[in-house]
């Protein structure tokens, strides 16, 4: 009985070790492990580059290429100085797909008659209390996502040729 129990424990332990190494199909999947091995950044490189190119007019606050998050600081269009925008882009996959991209826009407007502190123009802090949150047009985020996706597809095609 002890011999049978010892053999069963040895068989289970060897199966777990082989499964952890990916040696047996279906128990760790050797081909899946190779396919998921990542080199370079942790997200789709075309979406990453296209995002940086498309939103290059905005000040880059920070970027995490392994997490797939790009944060942009406040941008004020010279033609509409009473509005400012900032963006966060999430790249959610290593594949070039429409659902691998999410753009989030924040908009603030200048209260009438208020003069903001010039030092606050690009800062997160609004010491004068002049900027208030405003609704972003529903199509704005979708339009930016489409522009980034179009640029990413162009980069992919130019690299393939």
N, C-alpha and C. Protein backbone atom coordinates (compact mmCIF):
# COMPACT_ATOMS: atom_id res chain seq x y z
N UNK A 1 0.82 -1.20 0.00
CA UNK A 1 0.00 0.00 0.00
C UNK A 1 0.86 1.25 0.00
N UNK A 2 1.95 1.23 0.77
CA UNK A 2 2.85 2.37 0.82
C UNK A 2 3.52 2.56 -0.52
N UNK A 3 3.85 1.47 -1.19
CA UNK A 3 4.49 1.54 -2.50
C UNK A 3 3.55 2.14 -3.54
N UNK A 4 2.28 1.77 -3.53
CA UNK A 4 1.29 2.30 -4.46
C UNK A 4 1.08 3.79 -4.21
N UNK A 5 0.98 4.16 -2.93
CA UNK A 5 0.78 5.56 -2.58
C UNK A 5 2.01 6.38 -3.02
N UNK A 6 3.21 5.88 -2.82
CA UNK A 6 4.45 6.56 -3.23
C UNK A 6 4.52 6.72 -4.74
N UNK A 7 4.09 5.67 -5.47
CA UNK A 7 4.10 5.75 -6.93
C UNK A 7 3.08 6.78 -7.42
N UNK A 8 1.93 6.85 -6.77
CA UNK A 8 0.90 7.82 -7.16
C UNK A 8 1.40 9.24 -6.91
N UNK A 9 2.04 9.47 -5.77
CA UNK A 9 2.58 10.80 -5.47
C UNK A 9 3.65 11.17 -6.48
N UNK A 10 4.53 10.22 -6.82
CA UNK A 10 5.59 10.48 -7.80
C UNK A 10 5.00 10.79 -9.17
N UNK A 11 3.96 10.08 -9.57
CA UNK A 11 3.32 10.31 -10.87
C UNK A 11 2.67 11.69 -10.91
N UNK A 12 1.98 12.07 -9.87
CA UNK A 12 1.33 13.38 -9.82
C UNK A 12 2.38 14.49 -9.82
N UNK A 13 3.43 14.32 -9.03
CA UNK A 13 4.49 15.34 -8.96
C UNK A 13 5.18 15.51 -10.30
N UNK A 14 5.46 14.40 -11.00
CA UNK A 14 6.13 14.52 -12.30
C UNK A 14 5.21 15.17 -13.33
N UNK A 15 3.91 14.86 -13.23
CA UNK A 15 2.96 15.50 -14.14
C UNK A 15 2.88 17.00 -13.92
N UNK A 16 2.90 17.42 -12.66
CA UNK A 16 2.88 18.85 -12.36
C UNK A 16 4.15 19.54 -12.84
N UNK A 17 5.29 18.89 -12.66
CA UNK A 17 6.55 19.50 -13.10
C UNK A 17 6.59 19.62 -14.63
N UNK A 18 6.17 18.59 -15.34
CA UNK A 18 6.15 18.66 -16.80
C UNK A 18 5.14 19.69 -17.29
N UNK A 19 3.99 19.77 -16.63
CA UNK A 19 2.98 20.75 -17.01
C UNK A 19 3.46 22.16 -16.79
N UNK A 20 4.16 22.40 -15.70
CA UNK A 20 4.69 23.74 -15.42
C UNK A 20 5.76 24.15 -16.42
N UNK A 21 6.49 23.20 -16.96
CA UNK A 21 7.53 23.50 -17.94
C UNK A 21 6.96 23.60 -19.34
N UNK A 22 5.72 23.20 -19.50
CA UNK A 22 5.12 23.24 -20.83
C UNK A 22 5.51 22.03 -21.67
N UNK A 23 5.95 20.95 -21.02
CA UNK A 23 6.41 19.78 -21.74
C UNK A 23 5.30 18.93 -22.29
N UNK A 24 4.14 18.94 -21.70
CA UNK A 24 3.03 18.14 -22.18
C UNK A 24 1.98 19.06 -22.79
N UNK A 25 1.50 18.73 -24.00
CA UNK A 25 0.43 19.55 -24.59
C UNK A 25 -0.81 19.51 -23.70
N UNK A 26 -1.42 20.66 -23.54
CA UNK A 26 -2.61 20.74 -22.72
C UNK A 26 -2.31 21.00 -21.26
N UNK A 27 -1.06 20.85 -20.86
CA UNK A 27 -0.68 21.11 -19.47
C UNK A 27 0.40 22.18 -19.44
N UNK A 28 0.07 23.35 -19.84
CA UNK A 28 1.06 24.43 -19.88
C UNK A 28 1.31 24.88 -21.29
N UNK A 29 1.00 24.04 -22.27
CA UNK A 29 1.05 24.38 -23.68
C UNK A 29 2.35 25.00 -24.14
N UNK A 30 3.28 24.18 -24.58
CA UNK A 30 4.57 24.68 -25.02
C UNK A 30 4.45 25.73 -26.12
N UNK A 31 3.53 25.53 -27.09
CA UNK A 31 3.40 26.50 -28.19
C UNK A 31 2.78 27.80 -27.70
N UNK A 32 1.87 27.73 -26.74
CA UNK A 32 1.26 28.95 -26.20
C UNK A 32 2.29 29.77 -25.44
N UNK A 33 3.17 29.10 -24.72
CA UNK A 33 4.17 29.83 -23.96
C UNK A 33 5.10 30.58 -24.91
N UNK A 34 5.46 29.96 -26.02
CA UNK A 34 6.33 30.62 -26.99
C UNK A 34 5.61 31.79 -27.66
N UNK A 35 4.32 31.63 -27.93
CA UNK A 35 3.56 32.68 -28.59
C UNK A 35 3.37 33.90 -27.68
N UNK A 36 3.29 33.65 -26.37
CA UNK A 36 3.06 34.77 -25.48
C UNK A 36 4.35 35.42 -25.00
N UNK A 37 5.49 34.88 -25.39
CA UNK A 37 6.76 35.49 -25.00
C UNK A 37 6.85 36.87 -25.61
N UNK A 38 7.13 37.88 -24.79
CA UNK A 38 7.12 39.27 -25.25
C UNK A 38 8.54 39.79 -25.38
N UNK A 39 8.76 40.48 -26.46
CA UNK A 39 10.01 41.18 -26.62
C UNK A 39 9.69 42.65 -26.84
N UNK A 40 10.53 43.54 -26.38
CA UNK A 40 10.28 44.97 -26.55
C UNK A 40 9.19 45.44 -25.63
N UNK A 41 8.31 46.30 -26.17
CA UNK A 41 7.24 46.86 -25.35
C UNK A 41 6.12 45.85 -25.17
N UNK A 42 5.27 46.06 -24.19
CA UNK A 42 4.23 45.11 -23.85
C UNK A 42 2.93 45.28 -24.61
N UNK A 43 2.90 46.19 -25.58
CA UNK A 43 1.67 46.44 -26.35
C UNK A 43 2.02 46.47 -27.84
N UNK A 44 1.01 46.63 -28.66
CA UNK A 44 1.22 46.69 -30.10
C UNK A 44 2.05 47.92 -30.47
N UNK A 45 3.18 47.68 -31.10
CA UNK A 45 4.12 48.76 -31.42
C UNK A 45 3.53 49.76 -32.41
N UNK A 46 2.69 49.31 -33.34
CA UNK A 46 2.08 50.22 -34.32
C UNK A 46 1.08 51.16 -33.63
N UNK A 47 0.28 50.61 -32.72
CA UNK A 47 -0.66 51.46 -31.98
C UNK A 47 0.09 52.44 -31.10
N UNK A 48 1.17 51.99 -30.49
CA UNK A 48 1.99 52.85 -29.63
C UNK A 48 2.55 54.02 -30.42
N UNK A 49 3.22 53.71 -31.54
CA UNK A 49 3.84 54.76 -32.36
C UNK A 49 2.78 55.68 -32.95
N UNK A 50 1.66 55.12 -33.41
CA UNK A 50 0.59 55.92 -34.00
C UNK A 50 -0.02 56.87 -32.98
N UNK A 51 -0.15 56.42 -31.74
CA UNK A 51 -0.67 57.29 -30.69
C UNK A 51 0.26 58.47 -30.45
N UNK A 52 1.56 58.17 -30.31
CA UNK A 52 2.53 59.24 -30.10
C UNK A 52 2.55 60.23 -31.26
N UNK A 53 2.45 59.71 -32.49
CA UNK A 53 2.45 60.58 -33.67
C UNK A 53 1.17 61.41 -33.76
N UNK A 54 0.02 60.77 -33.57
CA UNK A 54 -1.26 61.44 -33.73
C UNK A 54 -1.48 62.55 -32.69
N UNK A 55 -1.05 62.30 -31.47
CA UNK A 55 -1.27 63.28 -30.40
C UNK A 55 0.01 64.04 -30.06
N UNK A 56 0.91 64.15 -31.02
CA UNK A 56 2.19 64.82 -30.78
C UNK A 56 2.03 66.32 -30.49
N UNK A 57 0.88 66.89 -30.83
CA UNK A 57 0.65 68.31 -30.56
C UNK A 57 0.37 68.57 -29.08
N UNK A 58 0.07 67.53 -28.32
CA UNK A 58 -0.21 67.67 -26.89
C UNK A 58 1.06 67.38 -26.09
N UNK A 59 1.23 68.03 -24.93
CA UNK A 59 2.41 67.75 -24.12
C UNK A 59 2.32 66.36 -23.48
N UNK A 60 3.35 65.57 -23.66
CA UNK A 60 3.40 64.22 -23.12
C UNK A 60 3.72 64.30 -21.62
N UNK A 61 2.82 63.77 -20.79
CA UNK A 61 3.04 63.79 -19.34
C UNK A 61 3.85 62.58 -18.91
N UNK A 62 3.40 61.38 -19.30
CA UNK A 62 4.16 60.17 -19.03
C UNK A 62 3.64 59.04 -19.90
N UNK A 63 4.47 58.02 -20.03
CA UNK A 63 4.11 56.89 -20.88
C UNK A 63 4.66 55.61 -20.26
N UNK A 64 3.85 54.57 -20.27
CA UNK A 64 4.24 53.26 -19.75
C UNK A 64 4.09 52.25 -20.88
N UNK A 65 5.18 51.93 -21.60
CA UNK A 65 5.07 51.03 -22.74
C UNK A 65 4.76 49.59 -22.37
N UNK A 66 5.00 49.19 -21.14
CA UNK A 66 4.69 47.82 -20.74
C UNK A 66 3.25 47.71 -20.26
N UNK A 67 2.73 48.75 -19.66
CA UNK A 67 1.34 48.76 -19.23
C UNK A 67 0.40 49.27 -20.30
N UNK A 68 0.93 49.96 -21.31
CA UNK A 68 0.11 50.44 -22.41
C UNK A 68 -0.67 51.70 -22.11
N UNK A 69 -0.14 52.57 -21.26
CA UNK A 69 -0.84 53.80 -20.91
C UNK A 69 0.01 55.00 -21.29
N UNK A 70 -0.60 55.95 -22.01
CA UNK A 70 0.06 57.20 -22.38
C UNK A 70 -0.80 58.34 -21.85
N UNK A 71 -0.22 59.18 -21.01
CA UNK A 71 -0.93 60.33 -20.44
C UNK A 71 -0.37 61.61 -21.05
N UNK A 72 -1.28 62.47 -21.45
CA UNK A 72 -0.91 63.77 -22.00
C UNK A 72 -1.37 64.85 -21.03
N UNK A 73 -0.58 65.92 -20.93
CA UNK A 73 -0.91 67.05 -20.08
C UNK A 73 -1.91 67.97 -20.76
N UNK A 74 -2.25 69.05 -20.09
CA UNK A 74 -3.23 70.00 -20.62
C UNK A 74 -2.72 70.66 -21.89
N UNK A 75 -3.62 70.73 -22.87
CA UNK A 75 -3.33 71.40 -24.14
C UNK A 75 -4.37 72.48 -24.35
N UNK A 76 -3.90 73.69 -24.64
CA UNK A 76 -4.80 74.81 -24.95
C UNK A 76 -4.57 75.20 -26.40
N UNK A 77 -5.62 75.09 -27.21
CA UNK A 77 -5.53 75.49 -28.62
C UNK A 77 -5.50 77.02 -28.67
N UNK A 78 -4.53 77.59 -29.36
CA UNK A 78 -4.44 79.06 -29.44
C UNK A 78 -5.71 79.72 -30.01
N UNK A 79 -6.47 78.98 -30.82
CA UNK A 79 -7.68 79.54 -31.40
C UNK A 79 -8.86 79.54 -30.42
N UNK A 80 -8.80 78.69 -29.39
CA UNK A 80 -9.84 78.65 -28.36
C UNK A 80 -9.18 78.64 -26.98
N UNK A 81 -8.66 79.79 -26.54
CA UNK A 81 -7.91 79.82 -25.28
C UNK A 81 -8.76 79.65 -24.03
N UNK A 82 -10.08 79.59 -24.19
CA UNK A 82 -10.94 79.39 -23.03
C UNK A 82 -11.26 77.91 -22.78
N UNK A 83 -10.62 77.01 -23.53
CA UNK A 83 -10.80 75.57 -23.35
C UNK A 83 -9.43 74.91 -23.25
N UNK A 84 -9.37 73.83 -22.46
CA UNK A 84 -8.15 73.03 -22.43
C UNK A 84 -8.53 71.56 -22.34
N UNK A 85 -7.67 70.74 -22.90
CA UNK A 85 -7.93 69.31 -22.98
C UNK A 85 -6.71 68.53 -22.52
N UNK A 86 -6.97 67.34 -21.99
CA UNK A 86 -5.89 66.40 -21.78
C UNK A 86 -6.43 65.02 -22.14
N UNK A 87 -5.51 64.12 -22.43
CA UNK A 87 -5.91 62.80 -22.92
C UNK A 87 -5.15 61.71 -22.21
N UNK A 88 -5.80 60.56 -22.11
CA UNK A 88 -5.17 59.33 -21.68
C UNK A 88 -5.53 58.26 -22.69
N UNK A 89 -4.50 57.56 -23.17
CA UNK A 89 -4.72 56.51 -24.16
C UNK A 89 -4.32 55.18 -23.53
N UNK A 90 -5.20 54.20 -23.65
CA UNK A 90 -4.94 52.85 -23.16
C UNK A 90 -4.81 51.92 -24.36
N UNK A 91 -3.68 51.26 -24.46
CA UNK A 91 -3.49 50.24 -25.50
C UNK A 91 -3.60 48.91 -24.77
N UNK A 92 -4.59 48.12 -25.14
CA UNK A 92 -5.01 46.98 -24.34
C UNK A 92 -4.57 45.63 -24.88
N UNK A 93 -3.84 45.60 -25.99
CA UNK A 93 -3.51 44.30 -26.59
C UNK A 93 -2.24 44.42 -27.40
N UNK A 94 -1.62 43.29 -27.69
CA UNK A 94 -0.43 43.27 -28.54
C UNK A 94 -0.82 43.17 -30.02
N UNK A 95 -2.09 42.94 -30.28
CA UNK A 95 -2.55 42.83 -31.66
C UNK A 95 -3.08 44.17 -32.15
N UNK A 96 -2.99 44.40 -33.45
CA UNK A 96 -3.51 45.62 -34.07
C UNK A 96 -4.99 45.42 -34.32
N UNK A 97 -5.80 45.83 -33.35
CA UNK A 97 -7.25 45.66 -33.42
C UNK A 97 -7.92 46.92 -32.91
N UNK A 98 -9.12 47.17 -33.39
CA UNK A 98 -9.86 48.37 -32.98
C UNK A 98 -10.20 48.32 -31.49
N UNK A 99 -10.50 47.14 -30.97
CA UNK A 99 -10.86 47.05 -29.56
C UNK A 99 -9.64 47.02 -28.64
N UNK A 100 -8.46 47.18 -29.20
CA UNK A 100 -7.23 47.22 -28.39
C UNK A 100 -6.86 48.64 -28.02
N UNK A 101 -7.73 49.59 -28.31
CA UNK A 101 -7.42 51.00 -28.11
C UNK A 101 -8.58 51.70 -27.41
N UNK A 102 -8.26 52.52 -26.41
CA UNK A 102 -9.28 53.29 -25.71
C UNK A 102 -8.71 54.67 -25.43
N UNK A 103 -9.39 55.70 -25.90
CA UNK A 103 -8.96 57.08 -25.69
C UNK A 103 -9.95 57.75 -24.75
N UNK A 104 -9.41 58.43 -23.74
CA UNK A 104 -10.23 59.16 -22.78
C UNK A 104 -9.79 60.62 -22.78
N UNK A 105 -10.73 61.53 -23.02
CA UNK A 105 -10.44 62.96 -23.10
C UNK A 105 -11.10 63.68 -21.92
N UNK A 106 -10.36 64.59 -21.32
CA UNK A 106 -10.89 65.45 -20.26
C UNK A 106 -10.87 66.88 -20.79
N UNK A 107 -11.96 67.60 -20.57
CA UNK A 107 -12.07 68.97 -21.05
C UNK A 107 -12.41 69.89 -19.88
N UNK A 108 -11.79 71.06 -19.89
CA UNK A 108 -12.13 72.10 -18.93
C UNK A 108 -12.31 73.41 -19.68
N UNK A 109 -13.21 74.24 -19.16
CA UNK A 109 -13.45 75.55 -19.76
C UNK A 109 -13.15 76.63 -18.72
N UNK A 110 -12.77 77.78 -19.21
CA UNK A 110 -12.43 78.92 -18.37
C UNK A 110 -13.72 79.63 -17.96
N UNK A 111 -13.88 79.85 -16.67
CA UNK A 111 -15.06 80.57 -16.21
C UNK A 111 -15.00 82.01 -16.72
N UNK A 112 -16.11 82.56 -17.18
CA UNK A 112 -16.12 83.94 -17.69
C UNK A 112 -15.66 84.93 -16.62
N UNK A 113 -14.81 85.85 -17.03
CA UNK A 113 -14.34 86.90 -16.14
C UNK A 113 -13.22 86.48 -15.20
N UNK A 114 -12.79 85.25 -15.27
CA UNK A 114 -11.74 84.76 -14.37
C UNK A 114 -10.41 84.76 -15.12
N UNK A 115 -9.37 85.18 -14.45
CA UNK A 115 -8.04 85.18 -15.04
C UNK A 115 -7.20 84.11 -14.36
N UNK A 116 -6.86 83.05 -15.11
CA UNK A 116 -6.08 81.96 -14.50
C UNK A 116 -4.65 82.40 -14.20
N UNK A 117 -4.07 81.74 -13.25
CA UNK A 117 -2.67 81.96 -12.93
C UNK A 117 -1.85 81.45 -14.12
N UNK A 118 -0.99 82.28 -14.75
CA UNK A 118 -0.22 81.84 -15.92
C UNK A 118 0.63 80.60 -15.65
N UNK A 119 1.03 80.42 -14.42
CA UNK A 119 1.83 79.24 -14.08
C UNK A 119 1.01 77.96 -14.11
N UNK A 120 -0.32 78.06 -14.12
CA UNK A 120 -1.19 76.89 -14.10
C UNK A 120 -1.57 76.38 -15.49
N UNK A 121 -1.13 77.03 -16.54
CA UNK A 121 -1.59 76.69 -17.89
C UNK A 121 -1.38 75.22 -18.23
N UNK A 122 -0.26 74.64 -17.86
CA UNK A 122 0.00 73.24 -18.17
C UNK A 122 0.02 72.36 -16.94
N UNK A 123 -0.27 72.93 -15.78
CA UNK A 123 -0.17 72.18 -14.54
C UNK A 123 -1.48 71.50 -14.19
N UNK A 124 -1.40 70.52 -13.34
CA UNK A 124 -2.59 69.82 -12.86
C UNK A 124 -3.37 70.69 -11.87
N UNK A 125 -2.71 71.66 -11.27
CA UNK A 125 -3.32 72.48 -10.23
C UNK A 125 -3.91 73.75 -10.84
N UNK A 126 -5.06 74.13 -10.36
CA UNK A 126 -5.70 75.37 -10.79
C UNK A 126 -5.82 76.27 -9.56
N UNK A 127 -4.75 76.99 -9.26
CA UNK A 127 -4.71 77.77 -8.01
C UNK A 127 -5.72 78.90 -8.00
N UNK A 128 -6.07 79.44 -9.16
CA UNK A 128 -7.04 80.54 -9.20
C UNK A 128 -8.48 80.04 -9.23
N UNK A 129 -8.69 78.75 -9.45
CA UNK A 129 -10.04 78.19 -9.50
C UNK A 129 -10.83 78.60 -10.72
N UNK A 130 -10.14 78.86 -11.82
CA UNK A 130 -10.80 79.36 -13.03
C UNK A 130 -11.29 78.27 -13.98
N UNK A 131 -10.72 77.10 -13.92
CA UNK A 131 -11.08 76.04 -14.87
C UNK A 131 -12.13 75.13 -14.25
N UNK A 132 -13.19 74.84 -15.02
CA UNK A 132 -14.23 73.93 -14.56
C UNK A 132 -14.41 72.82 -15.58
N UNK A 133 -14.79 71.67 -15.10
CA UNK A 133 -14.99 70.52 -15.97
C UNK A 133 -16.11 70.76 -16.96
N UNK A 134 -15.95 70.21 -18.16
CA UNK A 134 -16.97 70.35 -19.21
C UNK A 134 -17.12 69.02 -19.93
N UNK A 135 -18.25 68.87 -20.56
CA UNK A 135 -18.54 67.64 -21.29
C UNK A 135 -17.80 67.64 -22.63
N UNK A 136 -17.21 66.49 -22.95
CA UNK A 136 -16.54 66.30 -24.23
C UNK A 136 -17.56 65.75 -25.21
N UNK A 137 -17.55 66.26 -26.44
CA UNK A 137 -18.46 65.75 -27.47
C UNK A 137 -18.25 64.24 -27.62
N UNK A 138 -19.34 63.51 -27.73
CA UNK A 138 -19.29 62.04 -27.77
C UNK A 138 -18.41 61.52 -28.90
N UNK A 139 -18.40 62.20 -30.00
CA UNK A 139 -17.66 61.73 -31.18
C UNK A 139 -16.15 62.01 -31.08
N UNK A 140 -15.73 62.89 -30.19
CA UNK A 140 -14.32 63.29 -30.12
C UNK A 140 -13.40 62.11 -29.84
N UNK A 141 -13.73 61.32 -28.81
CA UNK A 141 -12.88 60.17 -28.47
C UNK A 141 -12.86 59.14 -29.59
N UNK A 142 -14.01 58.91 -30.20
CA UNK A 142 -14.09 57.96 -31.32
C UNK A 142 -13.27 58.45 -32.51
N UNK A 143 -13.34 59.75 -32.80
CA UNK A 143 -12.55 60.30 -33.91
C UNK A 143 -11.05 60.16 -33.66
N UNK A 144 -10.62 60.39 -32.43
CA UNK A 144 -9.20 60.22 -32.11
C UNK A 144 -8.79 58.76 -32.21
N UNK A 145 -9.63 57.85 -31.73
CA UNK A 145 -9.32 56.42 -31.85
C UNK A 145 -9.20 56.02 -33.31
N UNK A 146 -10.11 56.51 -34.15
CA UNK A 146 -10.05 56.19 -35.58
C UNK A 146 -8.80 56.76 -36.25
N UNK A 147 -8.41 57.97 -35.86
CA UNK A 147 -7.20 58.57 -36.42
C UNK A 147 -5.96 57.76 -36.02
N UNK A 148 -5.91 57.31 -34.78
CA UNK A 148 -4.78 56.50 -34.32
C UNK A 148 -4.77 55.15 -35.03
N UNK A 149 -5.93 54.53 -35.16
CA UNK A 149 -6.01 53.24 -35.85
C UNK A 149 -5.60 53.35 -37.32
N UNK A 150 -6.02 54.43 -37.98
CA UNK A 150 -5.64 54.65 -39.38
C UNK A 150 -4.13 54.79 -39.50
N UNK A 151 -3.53 55.58 -38.63
CA UNK A 151 -2.07 55.76 -38.64
C UNK A 151 -1.36 54.45 -38.35
N UNK A 152 -1.87 53.67 -37.40
CA UNK A 152 -1.26 52.38 -37.06
C UNK A 152 -1.31 51.42 -38.25
N UNK A 153 -2.42 51.41 -38.96
CA UNK A 153 -2.52 50.55 -40.15
C UNK A 153 -1.54 50.99 -41.23
N UNK A 154 -1.40 52.30 -41.40
CA UNK A 154 -0.43 52.82 -42.37
C UNK A 154 0.99 52.42 -41.99
N UNK A 155 1.34 52.51 -40.71
CA UNK A 155 2.66 52.10 -40.26
C UNK A 155 2.87 50.60 -40.48
N UNK A 156 1.85 49.83 -40.23
CA UNK A 156 1.93 48.38 -40.43
C UNK A 156 2.15 48.05 -41.91
N UNK A 157 1.41 48.71 -42.78
CA UNK A 157 1.56 48.46 -44.23
C UNK A 157 2.91 48.90 -44.75
N UNK A 158 3.39 50.04 -44.27
CA UNK A 158 4.69 50.53 -44.73
C UNK A 158 5.83 49.64 -44.23
N UNK A 159 5.64 49.00 -43.10
CA UNK A 159 6.66 48.11 -42.57
C UNK A 159 6.64 46.74 -43.27
N UNK A 160 5.46 46.34 -43.76
CA UNK A 160 5.32 45.04 -44.42
C UNK A 160 5.92 45.03 -45.81
N UNK A 161 5.95 46.20 -46.46
CA UNK A 161 6.40 46.27 -47.86
C UNK A 161 7.84 46.36 -47.95
